C-alpha atoms as a PDB file:
ATOM      1  CA  MET A   1      54.103   5.977  26.076  1.00  0.00           C
ATOM      2  CA  LEU A   2      53.567   9.589  27.062  1.00  0.00           C
ATOM      3  CA  ALA A   3      56.179  10.721  24.562  1.00  0.00           C
ATOM      4  CA  SER A   4      54.473   8.661  21.851  1.00  0.00           C
ATOM      5  CA  PHE A   5      51.117  10.256  22.627  1.00  0.00           C
ATOM      6  CA  ALA A   6      52.647  13.724  22.708  1.00  0.00           C
ATOM      7  CA  GLY A   7      54.258  13.113  19.334  1.00  0.00           C
ATOM      8  CA  MET A   8      51.002  11.868  17.850  1.00  0.00           C
ATOM      9  CA  ALA A   9      49.116  14.799  19.325  1.00  0.00           C
ATOM     10  CA  VAL A  10      51.514  17.324  17.833  1.00  0.00           C
ATOM     11  CA  ILE A  11      51.776  15.664  14.434  1.00  0.00           C
ATOM     12  CA  ARG A  12      48.138  14.657  13.991  1.00  0.00           C
ATOM     13  CA  GLY A  13      46.408  17.347  16.019  1.00  0.00           C
ATOM     14  CA  LEU A  14      48.386  20.437  15.101  1.00  0.00           C
ATOM     15  CA  LEU A  15      50.478  19.815  12.001  1.00  0.00           C
ATOM     16  CA  ALA A  16      48.117  17.564  10.037  1.00  0.00           C
ATOM     17  CA  PRO A  17      44.636  17.908  11.562  1.00  0.00           C
ATOM     18  CA  THR A  18      42.822  16.621   8.470  1.00  0.00           C
ATOM     19  CA  ALA A  19      44.994  13.512   8.020  1.00  0.00           C
ATOM     20  CA  HIS A  20      43.467  10.164   8.903  1.00  0.00           C
ATOM     21  CA  ILE A  21      44.805   8.382  11.984  1.00  0.00           C
ATOM     22  CA  GLY A  22      44.999   4.962  10.341  1.00  0.00           C
ATOM     23  CA  GLY A  23      46.156   1.734  11.962  1.00  0.00           C
ATOM     24  CA  HIS A  24      43.689   0.184  14.389  1.00  0.00           C
ATOM     25  CA  PHE A  25      41.843   3.523  14.538  1.00  0.00           C
ATOM     26  CA  THR A  26      40.401   2.912  11.060  1.00  0.00           C
ATOM     27  CA  TYR A  27      36.750   2.172  11.684  1.00  0.00           C
ATOM     28  CA  ARG A  28      34.065   1.129   9.249  1.00  0.00           C
ATOM     29  CA  LYS A  29      32.185   3.972   7.645  1.00  0.00           C
ATOM     30  CA  ALA A  30      28.907   2.489   8.916  1.00  0.00           C
ATOM     31  CA  ALA A  31      30.070   2.683  12.543  1.00  0.00           C
ATOM     32  CA  ILE A  32      31.527   6.168  13.066  1.00  0.00           C
ATOM     33  CA  GLY A  33      33.552   6.906   9.966  1.00  0.00           C
ATOM     34  CA  LEU A  34      37.206   7.811   9.700  1.00  0.00           C
ATOM     35  CA  LEU A  35      38.732   9.791  12.540  1.00  0.00           C
ATOM     36  CA  HIS A  36      40.980  12.708  11.792  1.00  0.00           C
ATOM     37  CA  GLY A  37      43.873  13.823  13.968  1.00  0.00           C
ATOM     38  CA  ARG A  38      42.101  16.709  15.656  1.00  0.00           C
ATOM     39  CA  GLU A  39      39.038  14.564  16.420  1.00  0.00           C
ATOM     40  CA  MET A  40      41.190  11.866  18.003  1.00  0.00           C
ATOM     41  CA  VAL A  41      43.107  14.334  20.178  1.00  0.00           C
ATOM     42  CA  LEU A  42      39.900  16.083  21.304  1.00  0.00           C
ATOM     43  CA  ALA A  43      38.268  12.733  22.091  1.00  0.00           C
ATOM     44  CA  GLY A  44      41.276  11.694  24.165  1.00  0.00           C
ATOM     45  CA  LEU A  45      41.280  14.982  26.058  1.00  0.00           C
ATOM     46  CA  GLY A  46      37.528  14.775  26.674  1.00  0.00           C
ATOM     47  CA  VAL A  47      37.737  11.231  28.003  1.00  0.00           C
ATOM     48  CA  GLY A  48      40.690  12.205  30.198  1.00  0.00           C
ATOM     49  CA  VAL A  49      38.854  15.177  31.693  1.00  0.00           C
ATOM     50  CA  CYS A  50      35.712  13.107  32.337  1.00  0.00           C
ATOM     51  CA  GLY A  51      37.808  10.378  33.968  1.00  0.00           C
ATOM     52  CA  ALA A  52      39.475  12.952  36.208  1.00  0.00           C
ATOM     53  CA  VAL A  53      36.097  14.347  37.263  1.00  0.00           C
ATOM     54  CA  VAL A  54      34.694  10.883  38.041  1.00  0.00           C
ATOM     55  CA  GLY A  55      37.838   9.909  39.960  1.00  0.00           C
ATOM     56  CA  THR A  56      37.803  13.133  41.969  1.00  0.00           C
ATOM     57  CA  CYS A  57      34.117  12.729  42.825  1.00  0.00           C
ATOM     58  CA  PHE A  58      34.726   9.133  43.955  1.00  0.00           C
ATOM     59  CA  HIS A  59      37.709  10.146  46.080  1.00  0.00           C
ATOM     60  CA  LYS A  60      35.794  13.011  47.694  1.00  0.00           C
ATOM     61  CA  SER A  61      32.761  10.813  48.439  1.00  0.00           C
ATOM     62  CA  VAL A  62      34.918   8.111  50.058  1.00  0.00           C
ATOM     63  CA  SER A  63      36.721  10.776  52.124  1.00  0.00           C
ATOM     64  CA  LEU A  64      33.361  12.193  53.204  1.00  0.00           C
ATOM     65  CA  LEU A  65      32.139   8.731  54.238  1.00  0.00           C
ATOM     66  CA  LYS A  66      35.333   8.035  56.164  1.00  0.00           C
ATOM     67  CA  ASN A  67      35.123  11.376  57.995  1.00  0.00           C
ATOM     68  CA  ALA A  68      31.482  10.740  58.862  1.00  0.00           C
ATOM     69  CA  ILE A  69      32.131   7.227  60.146  1.00  0.00           C
ATOM     70  CA  TRP A  70      35.376   7.751  62.045  1.00  0.00           C
ATOM     71  CA  SER A  71      35.212  10.334  64.756  1.00  0.00           C
ATOM     72  CA  LYS A  72      38.173  12.067  66.349  1.00  0.00           C
ATOM     73  CA  LYS A  73      37.686  10.374  69.729  1.00  0.00           C
ATOM     74  CA  GLU A  74      39.134   6.965  70.457  1.00  0.00           C
ATOM     75  CA  SER A  75      36.901   3.924  69.899  1.00  0.00           C
ATOM     76  CA  SER A  76      37.315   0.319  70.909  1.00  0.00           C
ATOM     77  CA  ARG A  77      39.032  -2.031  68.487  1.00  0.00           C
ATOM     78  CA  ALA A  78      35.808  -3.951  67.812  1.00  0.00           C
ATOM     79  CA  VAL A  79      33.957  -0.755  66.865  1.00  0.00           C
ATOM     80  CA  VAL A  80      36.729   0.314  64.482  1.00  0.00           C
ATOM     81  CA  ILE A  81      36.786  -3.102  62.784  1.00  0.00           C
ATOM     82  CA  GLY A  82      32.981  -3.101  62.532  1.00  0.00           C
ATOM     83  CA  LYS A  83      33.023   0.313  60.868  1.00  0.00           C
ATOM     84  CA  LYS A  84      35.651  -0.830  58.360  1.00  0.00           C
ATOM     85  CA  VAL A  85      33.620  -3.932  57.524  1.00  0.00           C
ATOM     86  CA  LEU A  86      30.452  -1.865  57.022  1.00  0.00           C
ATOM     87  CA  LEU A  87      32.299   0.593  54.782  1.00  0.00           C
ATOM     88  CA  ALA A  88      33.769  -2.249  52.696  1.00  0.00           C
ATOM     89  CA  MET A  89      30.318  -3.836  52.358  1.00  0.00           C
ATOM     90  CA  LEU A  90      28.821  -0.494  51.286  1.00  0.00           C
ATOM     91  CA  ILE A  91      31.483   0.001  48.621  1.00  0.00           C
ATOM     92  CA  GLY A  92      30.947  -3.585  47.419  1.00  0.00           C
ATOM     93  CA  TYR A  93      27.191  -3.037  47.206  1.00  0.00           C
ATOM     94  CA  ILE A  94      27.648   0.193  45.243  1.00  0.00           C
ATOM     95  CA  SER A  95      29.965  -1.600  42.811  1.00  0.00           C
ATOM     96  CA  THR A  96      27.275  -4.219  42.119  1.00  0.00           C
ATOM     97  CA  LEU A  97      24.916  -1.447  41.010  1.00  0.00           C
ATOM     98  CA  PHE A  98      27.287  -0.473  38.199  1.00  0.00           C
ATOM     99  CA  PRO A  99      28.497  -3.699  36.524  1.00  0.00           C
ATOM    100  CA  GLN A 100      31.024  -3.476  33.724  1.00  0.00           C
ATOM    101  CA  LYS A 101      29.800  -5.180  30.588  1.00  0.00           C
ATOM    102  CA  TRP A 102      32.045  -5.599  27.592  1.00  0.00           C
ATOM    103  CA  ASP A 103      29.853  -6.186  24.562  1.00  0.00           C
END
């Protein structure tokens, strides 16, 4: 799949930037119009960078929460399990604030 994307990126983005993508990337003119090779490659790169930023921010925030909740000293087993349950409930609550809707 990566080789296919790399081939499309080179052919459509660099060698033929004004050629239409075609296939299932042919949208109605009323929606967004026809996408050219360079536009498709730039859109893919932009979405990839934004996804990396969101993923990194999520990972850092979870690491920060875990470091704040778990201390370096030893705790009893019940306290450790309680902290894990509270963290799982917090993550579940946050996920309900951002539902995924596919319209």
